């Protein structure tokens, strides 16, 4: 990606959804939220930290343990209910089948949001720079535009200027295991 903010970037996100498609996506997200939210738990940061980190090896270990528990329940703890053990595994598998594609889609949405926002803000900065140049040349109305746009950056620029300060790179969204 071109990080040169002195040029108006090419519009990489030229495929724009129709308003009907956007509404359809929003309605489907709402349906998913309405369907799942009543059944989902919300952990505190401390509770989240206390949970085991999921790995392929741990999943294999858990699957094999379930198989042994089904075959030899007498070897497990007396309080073990094999049906509940199996239901926990089925729940994890079902949630993974939701989470993994949603996480991947979330990453793609975030990436494209960052691209779109970067293009939008880069174009705004290019417009501002052009307006400043036109104001120096005493083009009618240009100074009023510069003055109005400069207000967005008051107190952010170098001492004594209203120059825009480049925004820091946003931090990546936390993954589920980091939340």
C-alpha atoms as a PDB file:
ATOM      1  CA  UNK A   1       0.000   0.000   0.000  1.00  0.00           C
ATOM      2  CA  UNK A   2       1.190   3.491  -0.804  1.00  0.00           C
ATOM      3  CA  UNK A   3       1.856   5.310   2.476  1.00  0.00           C
ATOM      4  CA  UNK A   4       2.738   8.591   0.754  1.00  0.00           C
ATOM      5  CA  UNK A   5       0.019  10.898   2.057  1.00  0.00           C
ATOM      6  CA  UNK A   6       1.135  13.774  -0.210  1.00  0.00           C
ATOM      7  CA  UNK A   7      -0.716  12.144  -3.137  1.00  0.00           C
ATOM      8  CA  UNK A   8      -4.389  11.401  -3.361  1.00  0.00           C
ATOM      9  CA  UNK A   9      -4.425   7.587  -3.187  1.00  0.00           C
ATOM     10  CA  UNK A  10      -6.143   5.396  -5.713  1.00  0.00           C
ATOM     11  CA  UNK A  11      -9.460   4.132  -4.488  1.00  0.00           C
ATOM     12  CA  UNK A  12      -8.828   0.488  -3.715  1.00  0.00           C
ATOM     13  CA  UNK A  13     -12.331  -0.016  -2.384  1.00  0.00           C
ATOM     14  CA  UNK A  14     -14.184   0.626  -5.582  1.00  0.00           C
ATOM     15  CA  UNK A  15     -16.728  -2.133  -5.053  1.00  0.00           C
ATOM     16  CA  UNK A  16     -19.444  -0.381  -3.144  1.00  0.00           C
ATOM     17  CA  UNK A  17     -22.442  -2.255  -1.813  1.00  0.00           C
ATOM     18  CA  UNK A  18     -25.883  -1.013  -2.710  1.00  0.00           C
ATOM     19  CA  UNK A  19     -27.970   0.486   0.102  1.00  0.00           C
ATOM     20  CA  UNK A  20     -30.145  -2.624  -0.030  1.00  0.00           C
ATOM     21  CA  UNK A  21     -27.110  -4.881   0.418  1.00  0.00           C
ATOM     22  CA  UNK A  22     -25.861  -2.775   3.331  1.00  0.00           C
ATOM     23  CA  UNK A  23     -29.289  -2.978   4.974  1.00  0.00           C
ATOM     24  CA  UNK A  24     -29.367  -6.741   4.378  1.00  0.00           C
ATOM     25  CA  UNK A  25     -25.973  -7.186   6.038  1.00  0.00           C
ATOM     26  CA  UNK A  26     -27.057  -5.081   9.029  1.00  0.00           C
ATOM     27  CA  UNK A  27     -30.278  -7.071   9.389  1.00  0.00           C
ATOM     28  CA  UNK A  28     -28.398 -10.361   9.257  1.00  0.00           C
ATOM     29  CA  UNK A  29     -25.861  -9.182  11.856  1.00  0.00           C
ATOM     30  CA  UNK A  30     -28.774  -8.122  14.059  1.00  0.00           C
ATOM     31  CA  UNK A  31     -30.429 -11.522  13.611  1.00  0.00           C
ATOM     32  CA  UNK A  32     -27.192 -13.292  14.550  1.00  0.00           C
ATOM     33  CA  UNK A  33     -26.790 -11.045  17.587  1.00  0.00           C
ATOM     34  CA  UNK A  34     -30.414 -11.487  18.658  1.00  0.00           C
ATOM     35  CA  UNK A  35     -30.132 -15.262  18.257  1.00  0.00           C
ATOM     36  CA  UNK A  36     -26.825 -15.796  20.038  1.00  0.00           C
ATOM     37  CA  UNK A  37     -26.634 -13.037  22.659  1.00  0.00           C
ATOM     38  CA  UNK A  38     -29.183 -14.488  25.090  1.00  0.00           C
ATOM     39  CA  UNK A  39     -27.189 -17.738  25.252  1.00  0.00           C
ATOM     40  CA  UNK A  40     -23.658 -16.319  25.461  1.00  0.00           C
ATOM     41  CA  UNK A  41     -21.707 -15.595  28.631  1.00  0.00           C
ATOM     42  CA  UNK A  42     -19.614 -12.467  29.058  1.00  0.00           C
ATOM     43  CA  UNK A  43     -16.363 -12.898  30.973  1.00  0.00           C
ATOM     44  CA  UNK A  44     -14.563 -10.261  32.975  1.00  0.00           C
ATOM     45  CA  UNK A  45     -10.935  -9.573  32.098  1.00  0.00           C
ATOM     46  CA  UNK A  46      -9.851 -11.635  35.117  1.00  0.00           C
ATOM     47  CA  UNK A  47     -12.115 -14.550  34.193  1.00  0.00           C
ATOM     48  CA  UNK A  48     -10.801 -14.449  30.623  1.00  0.00           C
ATOM     49  CA  UNK A  49      -7.197 -14.585  31.863  1.00  0.00           C
ATOM     50  CA  UNK A  50      -7.978 -17.616  34.020  1.00  0.00           C
ATOM     51  CA  UNK A  51      -9.190 -19.727  31.079  1.00  0.00           C
ATOM     52  CA  UNK A  52      -6.875 -22.185  29.332  1.00  0.00           C
ATOM     53  CA  UNK A  53      -5.237 -21.077  26.115  1.00  0.00           C
ATOM     54  CA  UNK A  54      -6.579 -23.146  23.267  1.00  0.00           C
ATOM     55  CA  UNK A  55      -4.104 -25.001  21.083  1.00  0.00           C
ATOM     56  CA  UNK A  56      -4.304 -27.854  18.610  1.00  0.00           C
ATOM     57  CA  UNK A  57      -2.509 -30.138  21.085  1.00  0.00           C
ATOM     58  CA  UNK A  58      -4.971 -29.279  23.854  1.00  0.00           C
ATOM     59  CA  UNK A  59      -7.911 -29.961  21.526  1.00  0.00           C
ATOM     60  CA  UNK A  60      -6.461 -33.377  20.601  1.00  0.00           C
ATOM     61  CA  UNK A  61      -5.843 -34.105  24.291  1.00  0.00           C
ATOM     62  CA  UNK A  62      -9.437 -33.176  25.138  1.00  0.00           C
ATOM     63  CA  UNK A  63     -10.888 -35.254  22.277  1.00  0.00           C
ATOM     64  CA  UNK A  64      -8.853 -38.294  23.320  1.00  0.00           C
ATOM     65  CA  UNK A  65      -9.808 -37.809  26.975  1.00  0.00           C
ATOM     66  CA  UNK A  66     -13.480 -37.795  25.988  1.00  0.00           C
ATOM     67  CA  UNK A  67     -13.030 -41.013  24.026  1.00  0.00           C
ATOM     68  CA  UNK A  68     -11.360 -42.696  27.014  1.00  0.00           C
ATOM     69  CA  UNK A  69     -14.076 -41.368  29.347  1.00  0.00           C
ATOM     70  CA  UNK A  70     -16.737 -42.944  27.127  1.00  0.00           C
ATOM     71  CA  UNK A  71     -14.886 -46.268  27.011  1.00  0.00           C
ATOM     72  CA  UNK A  72     -13.701 -46.327  30.624  1.00  0.00           C
ATOM     73  CA  UNK A  73     -15.773 -43.989  32.811  1.00  0.00           C
ATOM     74  CA  UNK A  74     -14.610 -45.964  35.861  1.00  0.00           C
ATOM     75  CA  UNK A  75     -11.100 -44.480  35.466  1.00  0.00           C
ATOM     76  CA  UNK A  76     -12.329 -40.864  35.683  1.00  0.00           C
ATOM     77  CA  UNK A  77     -13.431 -38.936  38.764  1.00  0.00           C
ATOM     78  CA  UNK A  78     -16.655 -40.064  40.405  1.00  0.00           C
ATOM     79  CA  UNK A  79     -18.304 -36.733  39.679  1.00  0.00           C
ATOM     80  CA  UNK A  80     -17.696 -37.002  35.892  1.00  0.00           C
ATOM     81  CA  UNK A  81     -20.845 -37.027  33.784  1.00  0.00           C
ATOM     82  CA  UNK A  82     -19.702 -38.228  30.366  1.00  0.00           C
ATOM     83  CA  UNK A  83     -22.746 -36.763  28.603  1.00  0.00           C
ATOM     84  CA  UNK A  84     -21.899 -33.308  30.009  1.00  0.00           C
ATOM     85  CA  UNK A  85     -18.243 -33.776  29.022  1.00  0.00           C
ATOM     86  CA  UNK A  86     -19.367 -34.592  25.472  1.00  0.00           C
ATOM     87  CA  UNK A  87     -21.795 -31.640  25.439  1.00  0.00           C
ATOM     88  CA  UNK A  88     -18.916 -29.312  26.409  1.00  0.00           C
ATOM     89  CA  UNK A  89     -16.903 -30.585  23.433  1.00  0.00           C
ATOM     90  CA  UNK A  90     -19.860 -30.228  21.088  1.00  0.00           C
ATOM     91  CA  UNK A  91     -20.453 -26.675  22.360  1.00  0.00           C
ATOM     92  CA  UNK A  92     -16.815 -25.769  21.780  1.00  0.00           C
ATOM     93  CA  UNK A  93     -16.937 -27.209  18.257  1.00  0.00           C
ATOM     94  CA  UNK A  94     -20.174 -25.372  17.452  1.00  0.00           C
ATOM     95  CA  UNK A  95     -18.847 -22.068  18.788  1.00  0.00           C
ATOM     96  CA  UNK A  96     -15.595 -22.535  16.867  1.00  0.00           C
ATOM     97  CA  UNK A  97     -17.630 -23.043  13.695  1.00  0.00           C
ATOM     98  CA  UNK A  98     -19.165 -19.595  14.350  1.00  0.00           C
ATOM     99  CA  UNK A  99     -16.146 -17.825  15.769  1.00  0.00           C
ATOM    100  CA  UNK A 100     -13.435 -18.727  13.287  1.00  0.00           C
ATOM    101  CA  UNK A 101     -15.195 -17.436  10.142  1.00  0.00           C
ATOM    102  CA  UNK A 102     -16.547 -14.412  12.038  1.00  0.00           C
ATOM    103  CA  UNK A 103     -13.056 -13.621  13.337  1.00  0.00           C
ATOM    104  CA  UNK A 104     -11.593 -13.894   9.834  1.00  0.00           C
ATOM    105  CA  UNK A 105     -14.367 -11.699   8.465  1.00  0.00           C
ATOM    106  CA  UNK A 106     -13.786  -9.252  11.337  1.00  0.00           C
ATOM    107  CA  UNK A 107     -10.099  -9.044  10.420  1.00  0.00           C
ATOM    108  CA  UNK A 108     -11.015  -8.385   6.776  1.00  0.00           C
ATOM    109  CA  UNK A 109     -13.564  -5.756   7.789  1.00  0.00           C
ATOM    110  CA  UNK A 110     -11.006  -4.070  10.036  1.00  0.00           C
ATOM    111  CA  UNK A 111      -8.363  -4.092   7.298  1.00  0.00           C
ATOM    112  CA  UNK A 112     -10.776  -2.617   4.784  1.00  0.00           C
ATOM    113  CA  UNK A 113     -12.033  -0.067   7.298  1.00  0.00           C
ATOM    114  CA  UNK A 114      -8.425   1.016   7.848  1.00  0.00           C
ATOM    115  CA  UNK A 115      -7.835   1.277   4.088  1.00  0.00           C
ATOM    116  CA  UNK A 116     -11.054   3.219   3.529  1.00  0.00           C
ATOM    117  CA  UNK A 117     -10.408   5.541   6.488  1.00  0.00           C
ATOM    118  CA  UNK A 118      -6.789   6.067   5.369  1.00  0.00           C
ATOM    119  CA  UNK A 119      -7.920   6.901   1.822  1.00  0.00           C
ATOM    120  CA  UNK A 120     -10.595   9.239   3.165  1.00  0.00           C
ATOM    121  CA  UNK A 121      -8.272  11.070   5.549  1.00  0.00           C
ATOM    122  CA  UNK A 122      -5.391  11.186   3.038  1.00  0.00           C
ATOM    123  CA  UNK A 123      -7.680  12.789   0.488  1.00  0.00           C
ATOM    124  CA  UNK A 124      -8.873  15.274   3.112  1.00  0.00           C
ATOM    125  CA  UNK A 125      -5.252  16.191   3.919  1.00  0.00           C
ATOM    126  CA  UNK A 126      -4.460  16.603   0.212  1.00  0.00           C
ATOM    127  CA  UNK A 127      -7.478  18.904  -0.115  1.00  0.00           C
ATOM    128  CA  UNK A 128      -6.329  20.887   2.921  1.00  0.00           C
ATOM    129  CA  UNK A 129      -2.796  21.233   1.506  1.00  0.00           C
ATOM    130  CA  UNK A 130      -4.218  22.423  -1.803  1.00  0.00           C
ATOM    131  CA  UNK A 131      -6.506  24.891  -0.051  1.00  0.00           C
ATOM    132  CA  UNK A 132      -3.500  26.282   1.881  1.00  0.00           C
ATOM    133  CA  UNK A 133      -1.585  26.700  -1.371  1.00  0.00           C
ATOM    134  CA  UNK A 134      -4.560  28.475  -2.913  1.00  0.00           C
ATOM    135  CA  UNK A 135      -4.854  30.697   0.168  1.00  0.00           C
ATOM    136  CA  UNK A 136      -1.184  31.715  -0.261  1.00  0.00           C
ATOM    137  CA  UNK A 137      -2.057  32.689  -3.830  1.00  0.00           C
ATOM    138  CA  UNK A 138      -4.982  34.764  -2.492  1.00  0.00           C
ATOM    139  CA  UNK A 139      -7.630  32.695  -4.247  1.00  0.00           C
ATOM    140  CA  UNK A 140     -11.042  33.984  -3.117  1.00  0.00           C
ATOM    141  CA  UNK A 141     -12.585  31.868  -0.351  1.00  0.00           C
ATOM    142  CA  UNK A 142      -9.551  29.615   0.126  1.00  0.00           C
ATOM    143  CA  UNK A 143      -8.424  31.226   3.407  1.00  0.00           C
ATOM    144  CA  UNK A 144     -11.877  30.704   4.973  1.00  0.00           C
ATOM    145  CA  UNK A 145     -11.678  27.020   4.075  1.00  0.00           C
ATOM    146  CA  UNK A 146      -8.165  26.754   5.559  1.00  0.00           C
ATOM    147  CA  UNK A 147      -9.235  28.566   8.723  1.00  0.00           C
ATOM    148  CA  UNK A 148     -12.266  26.293   9.176  1.00  0.00           C
ATOM    149  CA  UNK A 149     -10.352  23.073   8.516  1.00  0.00           C
ATOM    150  CA  UNK A 150      -7.419  24.139  10.720  1.00  0.00           C
ATOM    151  CA  UNK A 151      -9.753  24.193  13.735  1.00  0.00           C
ATOM    152  CA  UNK A 152      -9.776  20.402  13.717  1.00  0.00           C
ATOM    153  CA  UNK A 153      -6.069  20.452  14.578  1.00  0.00           C
ATOM    154  CA  UNK A 154      -5.881  23.274  17.115  1.00  0.00           C
ATOM    155  CA  UNK A 155      -3.411  22.369  19.828  1.00  0.00           C
ATOM    156  CA  UNK A 156      -2.093  19.326  17.977  1.00  0.00           C
ATOM    157  CA  UNK A 157       0.502  20.779  15.618  1.00  0.00           C
ATOM    158  CA  UNK A 158       4.001  22.030  16.208  1.00  0.00           C
ATOM    159  CA  UNK A 159       4.228  25.074  18.476  1.00  0.00           C
ATOM    160  CA  UNK A 160       2.726  28.119  16.831  1.00  0.00           C
ATOM    161  CA  UNK A 161       1.223  26.250  13.849  1.00  0.00           C
ATOM    162  CA  UNK A 162      -2.006  24.610  12.957  1.00  0.00           C
ATOM    163  CA  UNK A 163      -0.351  21.927  10.833  1.00  0.00           C
ATOM    164  CA  UNK A 164      -2.089  18.581  10.995  1.00  0.00           C
ATOM    165  CA  UNK A 165      -0.217  15.917  12.894  1.00  0.00           C
ATOM    166  CA  UNK A 166      -0.170  12.445  11.309  1.00  0.00           C
ATOM    167  CA  UNK A 167      -2.360  10.047  13.237  1.00  0.00           C
ATOM    168  CA  UNK A 168      -0.581   7.147  14.934  1.00  0.00           C
ATOM    169  CA  UNK A 169      -1.029   3.714  13.444  1.00  0.00           C
ATOM    170  CA  UNK A 170      -4.014   2.105  15.126  1.00  0.00           C
ATOM    171  CA  UNK A 171      -3.346  -0.872  17.354  1.00  0.00           C
ATOM    172  CA  UNK A 172      -4.618  -4.162  15.975  1.00  0.00           C
ATOM    173  CA  UNK A 173      -7.857  -5.401  17.462  1.00  0.00           C
ATOM    174  CA  UNK A 174      -7.294  -7.851  20.287  1.00  0.00           C
ATOM    175  CA  UNK A 175      -7.838 -11.459  19.464  1.00  0.00           C
ATOM    176  CA  UNK A 176     -10.270 -13.431  21.566  1.00  0.00           C
ATOM    177  CA  UNK A 177      -7.422 -14.925  23.596  1.00  0.00           C
ATOM    178  CA  UNK A 178      -6.076 -11.429  24.367  1.00  0.00           C
ATOM    179  CA  UNK A 179      -9.359  -9.895  25.513  1.00  0.00           C
END
